Amino acid sequence: MDSNMSFHMDADVKAQMTALCAQLGMTPSTAFNLFANAFVRAKGMPFAVTVQEPLTFLPMASALADADQILTEYEAAYKRMAE
């Protein structure tokens, strides 16, 4: 026996999901049914649910320092060539 389920989701996410499902040849309803069956089979989430650590800006700081060093070296080389 089929049953209906209603829930709210972000309109943009829904549109993206609908488009991806169409590319896969299925409807969002089919995708949710696949998830529900996998959830029941796994007796929980069928994938790892983890807390992601917030991104640090160290890679950006490192990239900026590298860029600054490259520009400094370029400036020095340019001045030598201009002499």
PDB file of N, CA and C in Angstrom:
ATOM      1  N   MET A   1       0.840  -1.177   0.000  1.00  0.00           N
ATOM      2  CA  MET A   1       0.000   0.000   0.000  1.00  0.00           C
ATOM      3  C   MET A   1       0.890   1.247   0.000  1.00  0.00           C
ATOM      4  N   ASP A   2       0.646   2.162  -0.908  1.00  0.00           N
ATOM      5  CA  ASP A   2       1.412   3.402  -0.984  1.00  0.00           C
ATOM      6  C   ASP A   2       0.899   4.411   0.030  1.00  0.00           C
ATOM      7  N   SER A   3       1.791   5.301   0.427  1.00  0.00           N
ATOM      8  CA  SER A   3       1.452   6.354   1.377  1.00  0.00           C
ATOM      9  C   SER A   3       2.134   7.633   0.922  1.00  0.00           C
ATOM     10  N   ASN A   4       1.553   8.766   1.220  1.00  0.00           N
ATOM     11  CA  ASN A   4       2.131  10.058   0.862  1.00  0.00           C
ATOM     12  C   ASN A   4       2.904  10.631   2.033  1.00  0.00           C
ATOM     13  N   MET A   5       3.925  11.428   1.711  1.00  0.00           N
ATOM     14  CA  MET A   5       4.715  12.113   2.717  1.00  0.00           C
ATOM     15  C   MET A   5       4.943  13.533   2.217  1.00  0.00           C
ATOM     16  N   SER A   6       4.820  14.506   3.090  1.00  0.00           N
ATOM     17  CA  SER A   6       5.045  15.906   2.717  1.00  0.00           C
ATOM     18  C   SER A   6       6.140  16.497   3.586  1.00  0.00           C
ATOM     19  N   PHE A   7       6.977  17.306   2.991  1.00  0.00           N
ATOM     20  CA  PHE A   7       7.988  18.030   3.758  1.00  0.00           C
ATOM     21  C   PHE A   7       8.415  19.238   2.948  1.00  0.00           C
ATOM     22  N   HIS A   8       9.066  20.171   3.606  1.00  0.00           N
ATOM     23  CA  HIS A   8       9.519  21.403   2.958  1.00  0.00           C
ATOM     24  C   HIS A   8      11.003  21.292   2.648  1.00  0.00           C
ATOM     25  N   MET A   9      11.395  21.871   1.529  1.00  0.00           N
ATOM     26  CA  MET A   9      12.805  21.945   1.181  1.00  0.00           C
ATOM     27  C   MET A   9      13.051  23.224   0.396  1.00  0.00           C
ATOM     28  N   ASP A  10      14.289  23.641   0.352  1.00  0.00           N
ATOM     29  CA  ASP A  10      14.682  24.838  -0.375  1.00  0.00           C
ATOM     30  C   ASP A  10      14.316  24.699  -1.854  1.00  0.00           C
ATOM     31  N   ALA A  11      13.722  25.740  -2.415  1.00  0.00           N
ATOM     32  CA  ALA A  11      13.261  25.698  -3.806  1.00  0.00           C
ATOM     33  C   ALA A  11      14.418  25.480  -4.787  1.00  0.00           C
ATOM     34  N   ASP A  12      15.571  26.088  -4.517  1.00  0.00           N
ATOM     35  CA  ASP A  12      16.728  25.904  -5.407  1.00  0.00           C
ATOM     36  C   ASP A  12      17.236  24.465  -5.364  1.00  0.00           C
ATOM     37  N   VAL A  13      17.272  23.886  -4.161  1.00  0.00           N
ATOM     38  CA  VAL A  13      17.723  22.497  -4.025  1.00  0.00           C
ATOM     39  C   VAL A  13      16.748  21.578  -4.755  1.00  0.00           C
ATOM     40  N   LYS A  14      15.457  21.862  -4.616  1.00  0.00           N
ATOM     41  CA  LYS A  14      14.443  21.045  -5.299  1.00  0.00           C
ATOM     42  C   LYS A  14      14.634  21.106  -6.811  1.00  0.00           C
ATOM     43  N   ALA A  15      14.867  22.299  -7.343  1.00  0.00           N
ATOM     44  CA  ALA A  15      15.052  22.456  -8.788  1.00  0.00           C
ATOM     45  C   ALA A  15      16.297  21.711  -9.261  1.00  0.00           C
ATOM     46  N   GLN A  16      17.392  21.812  -8.491  1.00  0.00           N
ATOM     47  CA  GLN A  16      18.627  21.115  -8.860  1.00  0.00           C
ATOM     48  C   GLN A  16      18.433  19.599  -8.787  1.00  0.00           C
ATOM     49  N   MET A  17      17.735  19.158  -7.746  1.00  0.00           N
ATOM     50  CA  MET A  17      17.487  17.718  -7.608  1.00  0.00           C
ATOM     51  C   MET A  17      16.622  17.202  -8.750  1.00  0.00           C
ATOM     52  N   THR A  18      15.583  17.943  -9.086  1.00  0.00           N
ATOM     53  CA  THR A  18      14.695  17.537 -10.173  1.00  0.00           C
ATOM     54  C   THR A  18      15.467  17.418 -11.478  1.00  0.00           C
ATOM     55  N   ALA A  19      16.349  18.379 -11.740  1.00  0.00           N
ATOM     56  CA  ALA A  19      17.156  18.348 -12.967  1.00  0.00           C
ATOM     57  C   ALA A  19      18.100  17.145 -12.971  1.00  0.00           C
ATOM     58  N   LEU A  20      18.763  16.894 -11.844  1.00  0.00           N
ATOM     59  CA  LEU A  20      19.672  15.747 -11.762  1.00  0.00           C
ATOM     60  C   LEU A  20      18.920  14.432 -11.905  1.00  0.00           C
ATOM     61  N   CYS A  21      17.764  14.341 -11.272  1.00  0.00           N
ATOM     62  CA  CYS A  21      16.958  13.119 -11.394  1.00  0.00           C
ATOM     63  C   CYS A  21      16.565  12.889 -12.850  1.00  0.00           C
ATOM     64  N   ALA A  22      16.181  13.958 -13.551  1.00  0.00           N
ATOM     65  CA  ALA A  22      15.808  13.828 -14.962  1.00  0.00           C
ATOM     66  C   ALA A  22      16.983  13.293 -15.780  1.00  0.00           C
ATOM     67  N   GLN A  23      18.189  13.772 -15.477  1.00  0.00           N
ATOM     68  CA  GLN A  23      19.378  13.278 -16.181  1.00  0.00           C
ATOM     69  C   GLN A  23      19.606  11.799 -15.912  1.00  0.00           C
ATOM     70  N   LEU A  24      19.210  11.356 -14.724  1.00  0.00           N
ATOM     71  CA  LEU A  24      19.363   9.946 -14.350  1.00  0.00           C
ATOM     72  C   LEU A  24      18.177   9.093 -14.777  1.00  0.00           C
ATOM     73  N   GLY A  25      17.169   9.735 -15.372  1.00  0.00           N
ATOM     74  CA  GLY A  25      15.996   9.005 -15.849  1.00  0.00           C
ATOM     75  C   GLY A  25      15.032   8.603 -14.744  1.00  0.00           C
ATOM     76  N   MET A  26      14.978   9.430 -13.696  1.00  0.00           N
ATOM     77  CA  MET A  26      14.058   9.129 -12.599  1.00  0.00           C
ATOM     78  C   MET A  26      13.406  10.414 -12.109  1.00  0.00           C
ATOM     79  N   THR A  27      12.443  10.260 -11.253  1.00  0.00           N
ATOM     80  CA  THR A  27      11.779  11.406 -10.637  1.00  0.00           C
ATOM     81  C   THR A  27      12.339  11.611  -9.226  1.00  0.00           C
ATOM     82  N   PRO A  28      12.146  12.789  -8.644  1.00  0.00           N
ATOM     83  CA  PRO A  28      12.545  12.976  -7.243  1.00  0.00           C
ATOM     84  C   PRO A  28      11.869  11.962  -6.316  1.00  0.00           C
ATOM     85  N   SER A  29      10.625  11.598  -6.614  1.00  0.00           N
ATOM     86  CA  SER A  29       9.928  10.602  -5.805  1.00  0.00           C
ATOM     87  C   SER A  29      10.684   9.270  -5.817  1.00  0.00           C
ATOM     88  N   THR A  30      11.169   8.866  -6.989  1.00  0.00           N
ATOM     89  CA  THR A  30      11.947   7.634  -7.095  1.00  0.00           C
ATOM     90  C   THR A  30      13.229   7.748  -6.277  1.00  0.00           C
ATOM     91  N   ALA A  31      13.905   8.906  -6.357  1.00  0.00           N
ATOM     92  CA  ALA A  31      15.144   9.109  -5.609  1.00  0.00           C
ATOM     93  C   ALA A  31      14.887   9.023  -4.109  1.00  0.00           C
ATOM     94  N   PHE A  32      13.793   9.640  -3.641  1.00  0.00           N
ATOM     95  CA  PHE A  32      13.481   9.570  -2.216  1.00  0.00           C
ATOM     96  C   PHE A  32      13.131   8.141  -1.799  1.00  0.00           C
ATOM     97  N   ASN A  33      12.458   7.406  -2.658  1.00  0.00           N
ATOM     98  CA  ASN A  33      12.153   6.008  -2.347  1.00  0.00           C
ATOM     99  C   ASN A  33      13.425   5.171  -2.274  1.00  0.00           C
ATOM    100  N   LEU A  34      14.381   5.439  -3.166  1.00  0.00           N
ATOM    101  CA  LEU A  34      15.671   4.750  -3.099  1.00  0.00           C
ATOM    102  C   LEU A  34      16.358   5.035  -1.766  1.00  0.00           C
ATOM    103  N   PHE A  35      16.344   6.314  -1.379  1.00  0.00           N
ATOM    104  CA  PHE A  35      16.953   6.698  -0.110  1.00  0.00           C
ATOM    105  C   PHE A  35      16.242   6.021   1.059  1.00  0.00           C
ATOM    106  N   ALA A  36      14.911   6.036   1.061  1.00  0.00           N
ATOM    107  CA  ALA A  36      14.136   5.446   2.156  1.00  0.00           C
ATOM    108  C   ALA A  36      14.439   3.950   2.287  1.00  0.00           C
ATOM    109  N   ASN A  37      14.500   3.244   1.164  1.00  0.00           N
ATOM    110  CA  ASN A  37      14.814   1.814   1.206  1.00  0.00           C
ATOM    111  C   ASN A  37      16.226   1.571   1.727  1.00  0.00           C
ATOM    112  N   ALA A  38      17.185   2.391   1.303  1.00  0.00           N
ATOM    113  CA  ALA A  38      18.556   2.256   1.783  1.00  0.00           C
ATOM    114  C   ALA A  38      18.627   2.580   3.271  1.00  0.00           C
ATOM    115  N   PHE A  39      17.862   3.562   3.722  1.00  0.00           N
ATOM    116  CA  PHE A  39      17.810   3.954   5.126  1.00  0.00           C
ATOM    117  C   PHE A  39      17.302   2.795   5.985  1.00  0.00           C
ATOM    118  N   VAL A  40      16.233   2.153   5.522  1.00  0.00           N
ATOM    119  CA  VAL A  40      15.658   1.016   6.258  1.00  0.00           C
ATOM    120  C   VAL A  40      16.638  -0.147   6.280  1.00  0.00           C
ATOM    121  N   ARG A  41      17.255  -0.444   5.118  1.00  0.00           N
ATOM    122  CA  ARG A  41      18.205  -1.546   5.018  1.00  0.00           C
ATOM    123  C   ARG A  41      19.399  -1.334   5.956  1.00  0.00           C
ATOM    124  N   ALA A  42      19.893  -0.077   6.031  1.00  0.00           N
ATOM    125  CA  ALA A  42      21.055   0.245   6.864  1.00  0.00           C
ATOM    126  C   ALA A  42      20.669   0.477   8.328  1.00  0.00           C
ATOM    127  N   LYS A  43      19.368   0.550   8.601  1.00  0.00           N
ATOM    128  CA  LYS A  43      18.863   0.874   9.942  1.00  0.00           C
ATOM    129  C   LYS A  43      19.407   2.222  10.402  1.00  0.00           C
ATOM    130  N   GLY A  44      19.444   3.149   9.484  1.00  0.00           N
ATOM    131  CA  GLY A  44      19.949   4.501   9.738  1.00  0.00           C
ATOM    132  C   GLY A  44      20.447   5.098   8.438  1.00  0.00           C
ATOM    133  N   MET A  45      21.213   6.119   8.567  1.00  0.00           N
ATOM    134  CA  MET A  45      21.729   6.786   7.374  1.00  0.00           C
ATOM    135  C   MET A  45      22.563   5.810   6.550  1.00  0.00           C
ATOM    136  N   PRO A  46      22.320   5.767   5.245  1.00  0.00           N
ATOM    137  CA  PRO A  46      23.093   4.855   4.395  1.00  0.00           C
ATOM    138  C   PRO A  46      24.451   5.438   3.992  1.00  0.00           C
ATOM    139  N   PHE A  47      24.862   6.473   4.683  1.00  0.00           N
ATOM    140  CA  PHE A  47      26.157   7.106   4.447  1.00  0.00           C
ATOM    141  C   PHE A  47      26.605   7.725   5.760  1.00  0.00           C
ATOM    142  N   ALA A  48      27.887   7.999   5.874  1.00  0.00           N
ATOM    143  CA  ALA A  48      28.424   8.575   7.103  1.00  0.00           C
ATOM    144  C   ALA A  48      27.918  10.001   7.292  1.00  0.00           C
ATOM    145  N   VAL A  49      27.487  10.300   8.491  1.00  0.00           N
ATOM    146  CA  VAL A  49      27.089  11.657   8.853  1.00  0.00           C
ATOM    147  C   VAL A  49      28.122  12.142   9.853  1.00  0.00           C
ATOM    148  N   THR A  50      28.881  13.149   9.455  1.00  0.00           N
ATOM    149  CA  THR A  50      29.971  13.633  10.287  1.00  0.00           C
ATOM    150  C   THR A  50      29.891  15.135  10.455  1.00  0.00           C
ATOM    151  N   VAL A  51      30.571  15.616  11.448  1.00  0.00           N
ATOM    152  CA  VAL A  51      30.690  17.053  11.669  1.00  0.00           C
ATOM    153  C   VAL A  51      31.962  17.500  10.979  1.00  0.00           C
ATOM    154  N   GLN A  52      31.840  18.418  10.065  1.00  0.00           N
ATOM    155  CA  GLN A  52      33.002  18.940   9.358  1.00  0.00           C
ATOM    156  C   GLN A  52      33.599  20.085  10.162  1.00  0.00           C
ATOM    157  N   GLU A  53      34.910  20.060  10.300  1.00  0.00           N
ATOM    158  CA  GLU A  53      35.579  21.163  10.958  1.00  0.00           C
ATOM    159  C   GLU A  53      35.486  22.391  10.063  1.00  0.00           C
ATOM    160  N   PRO A  54      35.318  23.560  10.661  1.00  0.00           N
ATOM    161  CA  PRO A  54      35.258  24.767   9.826  1.00  0.00           C
ATOM    162  C   PRO A  54      36.560  24.946   9.049  1.00  0.00           C
ATOM    163  N   LEU A  55      36.427  25.439   7.846  1.00  0.00           N
ATOM    164  CA  LEU A  55      37.613  25.683   7.033  1.00  0.00           C
ATOM    165  C   LEU A  55      38.453  26.780   7.661  1.00  0.00           C
ATOM    166  N   THR A  56      39.739  26.600   7.626  1.00  0.00           N
ATOM    167  CA  THR A  56      40.626  27.652   8.113  1.00  0.00           C
ATOM    168  C   THR A  56      41.133  28.429   6.911  1.00  0.00           C
ATOM    169  N   PHE A  57      41.632  29.573   7.166  1.00  0.00           N
ATOM    170  CA  PHE A  57      42.118  30.414   6.087  1.00  0.00           C
ATOM    171  C   PHE A  57      43.619  30.264   5.897  1.00  0.00           C
ATOM    172  N   LEU A  58      44.201  29.242   6.520  1.00  0.00           N
ATOM    173  CA  LEU A  58      45.630  29.019   6.361  1.00  0.00           C
ATOM    174  C   LEU A  58      46.014  28.760   4.910  1.00  0.00           C
ATOM    175  N   PRO A  59      45.263  27.928   4.154  1.00  0.00           N
ATOM    176  CA  PRO A  59      45.649  27.753   2.751  1.00  0.00           C
ATOM    177  C   PRO A  59      45.630  29.082   1.982  1.00  0.00           C
ATOM    178  N   MET A  60      44.643  29.919   2.279  1.00  0.00           N
ATOM    179  CA  MET A  60      44.571  31.213   1.596  1.00  0.00           C
ATOM    180  C   MET A  60      45.744  32.083   2.021  1.00  0.00           C
ATOM    181  N   ALA A  61      46.056  32.105   3.300  1.00  0.00           N
ATOM    182  CA  ALA A  61      47.173  32.912   3.782  1.00  0.00           C
ATOM    183  C   ALA A  61      48.470  32.429   3.149  1.00  0.00           C
ATOM    184  N   SER A  62      48.619  31.115   3.060  1.00  0.00           N
ATOM    185  CA  SER A  62      49.812  30.544   2.444  1.00  0.00           C
ATOM    186  C   SER A  62      49.894  30.920   0.967  1.00  0.00           C
ATOM    187  N   ALA A  63      48.765  30.859   0.270  1.00  0.00           N
ATOM    188  CA  ALA A  63      48.738  31.213  -1.156  1.00  0.00           C
ATOM    189  C   ALA A  63      49.071  32.687  -1.342  1.00  0.00           C
ATOM    190  N   LEU A  64      48.543  33.539  -0.466  1.00  0.00           N
ATOM    191  CA  LEU A  64      48.842  34.975  -0.567  1.00  0.00           C
ATOM    192  C   LEU A  64      50.316  35.243  -0.286  1.00  0.00           C
ATOM    193  N   ALA A  65      50.885  34.536   0.678  1.00  0.00           N
ATOM    194  CA  ALA A  65      52.309  34.704   0.974  1.00  0.00           C
ATOM    195  C   ALA A  65      53.151  34.252  -0.218  1.00  0.00           C
ATOM    196  N   ASP A  66      52.763  33.137  -0.832  1.00  0.00           N
ATOM    197  CA  ASP A  66      53.473  32.647  -2.019  1.00  0.00           C
ATOM    198  C   ASP A  66      53.385  33.664  -3.147  1.00  0.00           C
ATOM    199  N   ALA A  67      52.194  34.211  -3.370  1.00  0.00           N
ATOM    200  CA  ALA A  67      52.005  35.204  -4.436  1.00  0.00           C
ATOM    201  C   ALA A  67      52.837  36.447  -4.152  1.00  0.00           C
ATOM    202  N   ASP A  68      52.881  36.862  -2.885  1.00  0.00           N
ATOM    203  CA  ASP A  68      53.664  38.035  -2.512  1.00  0.00           C
ATOM    204  C   ASP A  68      55.144  37.794  -2.780  1.00  0.00           C
ATOM    205  N   GLN A  69      55.633  36.600  -2.462  1.00  0.00           N
ATOM    206  CA  GLN A  69      57.037  36.261  -2.704  1.00  0.00           C
ATOM    207  C   GLN A  69      57.337  36.253  -4.206  1.00  0.00           C
ATOM    208  N   ILE A  70      56.448  35.677  -4.995  1.00  0.00           N
ATOM    209  CA  ILE A  70      56.641  35.630  -6.453  1.00  0.00           C
ATOM    210  C   ILE A  70      56.682  37.036  -7.022  1.00  0.00           C
ATOM    211  N   LEU A  71      55.765  37.898  -6.572  1.00  0.00           N
ATOM    212  CA  LEU A  71      55.751  39.279  -7.069  1.00  0.00           C
ATOM    213  C   LEU A  71      56.998  40.047  -6.651  1.00  0.00           C
ATOM    214  N   THR A  72      57.482  39.807  -5.446  1.00  0.00           N
ATOM    215  CA  THR A  72      58.705  40.463  -4.976  1.00  0.00           C
ATOM    216  C   THR A  72      59.889  40.031  -5.832  1.00  0.00           C
ATOM    217  N   GLU A  73      59.980  38.727  -6.103  1.00  0.00           N
ATOM    218  CA  GLU A  73      61.059  38.214  -6.946  1.00  0.00           C
ATOM    219  C   GLU A  73      60.946  38.770  -8.366  1.00  0.00           C
ATOM    220  N   TYR A  74      59.724  38.855  -8.880  1.00  0.00           N
ATOM    221  CA  TYR A  74      59.507  39.392 -10.225  1.00  0.00           C
ATOM    222  C   TYR A  74      59.914  40.856 -10.272  1.00  0.00           C
ATOM    223  N   GLU A  75      59.552  41.604  -9.227  1.00  0.00           N
ATOM    224  CA  GLU A  75      59.904  43.027  -9.175  1.00  0.00           C
ATOM    225  C   GLU A  75      61.420  43.202  -9.186  1.00  0.00           C
ATOM    226  N   ALA A  76      62.109  42.381  -8.399  1.00  0.00           N
ATOM    227  CA  ALA A  76      63.573  42.473  -8.351  1.00  0.00           C
ATOM    228  C   ALA A  76      64.179  42.132  -9.713  1.00  0.00           C
ATOM    229  N   ALA A  77      63.680  41.092 -10.351  1.00  0.00           N
ATOM    230  CA  ALA A  77      64.187  40.705 -11.670  1.00  0.00           C
ATOM    231  C   ALA A  77      63.902  41.795 -12.694  1.00  0.00           C
ATOM    232  N   TYR A  78      62.736  42.405 -12.628  1.00  0.00           N
ATOM    233  CA  TYR A  78      62.362  43.468 -13.559  1.00  0.00           C
ATOM    234  C   TYR A  78      63.272  44.665 -13.390  1.00  0.00           C
ATOM    235  N   LYS A  79      63.583  45.017 -12.144  1.00  0.00           N
ATOM    236  CA  LYS A  79      64.472  46.164 -11.888  1.00  0.00           C
ATOM    237  C   LYS A  79      65.870  45.897 -12.421  1.00  0.00           C
ATOM    238  N   ARG A  80      66.345  44.643 -12.249  1.00  0.00           N
ATOM    239  CA  ARG A  80      67.671  44.282 -12.784  1.00  0.00           C
ATOM    240  C   ARG A  80      67.686  44.396 -14.306  1.00  0.00           C
ATOM    241  N   MET A  81      66.625  43.954 -14.945  1.00  0.00           N
ATOM    242  CA  MET A  81      66.558  44.023 -16.420  1.00  0.00           C
ATOM    243  C   MET A  81      66.427  45.450 -16.912  1.00  0.00           C
ATOM    244  N   ALA A  82      65.819  46.322 -16.123  1.00  0.00           N
ATOM    245  CA  ALA A  82      65.601  47.704 -16.536  1.00  0.00           C
ATOM    246  C   ALA A  82      66.892  48.509 -16.436  1.00  0.00           C
ATOM    247  N   GLU A  83      67.857  48.053 -15.652  1.00  0.00           N
ATOM    248  CA  GLU A  83      69.100  48.804 -15.472  1.00  0.00           C
ATOM    249  C   GLU A  83      69.989  48.768 -16.668  1.00  0.00           C
TER     250      GLU A  83
END
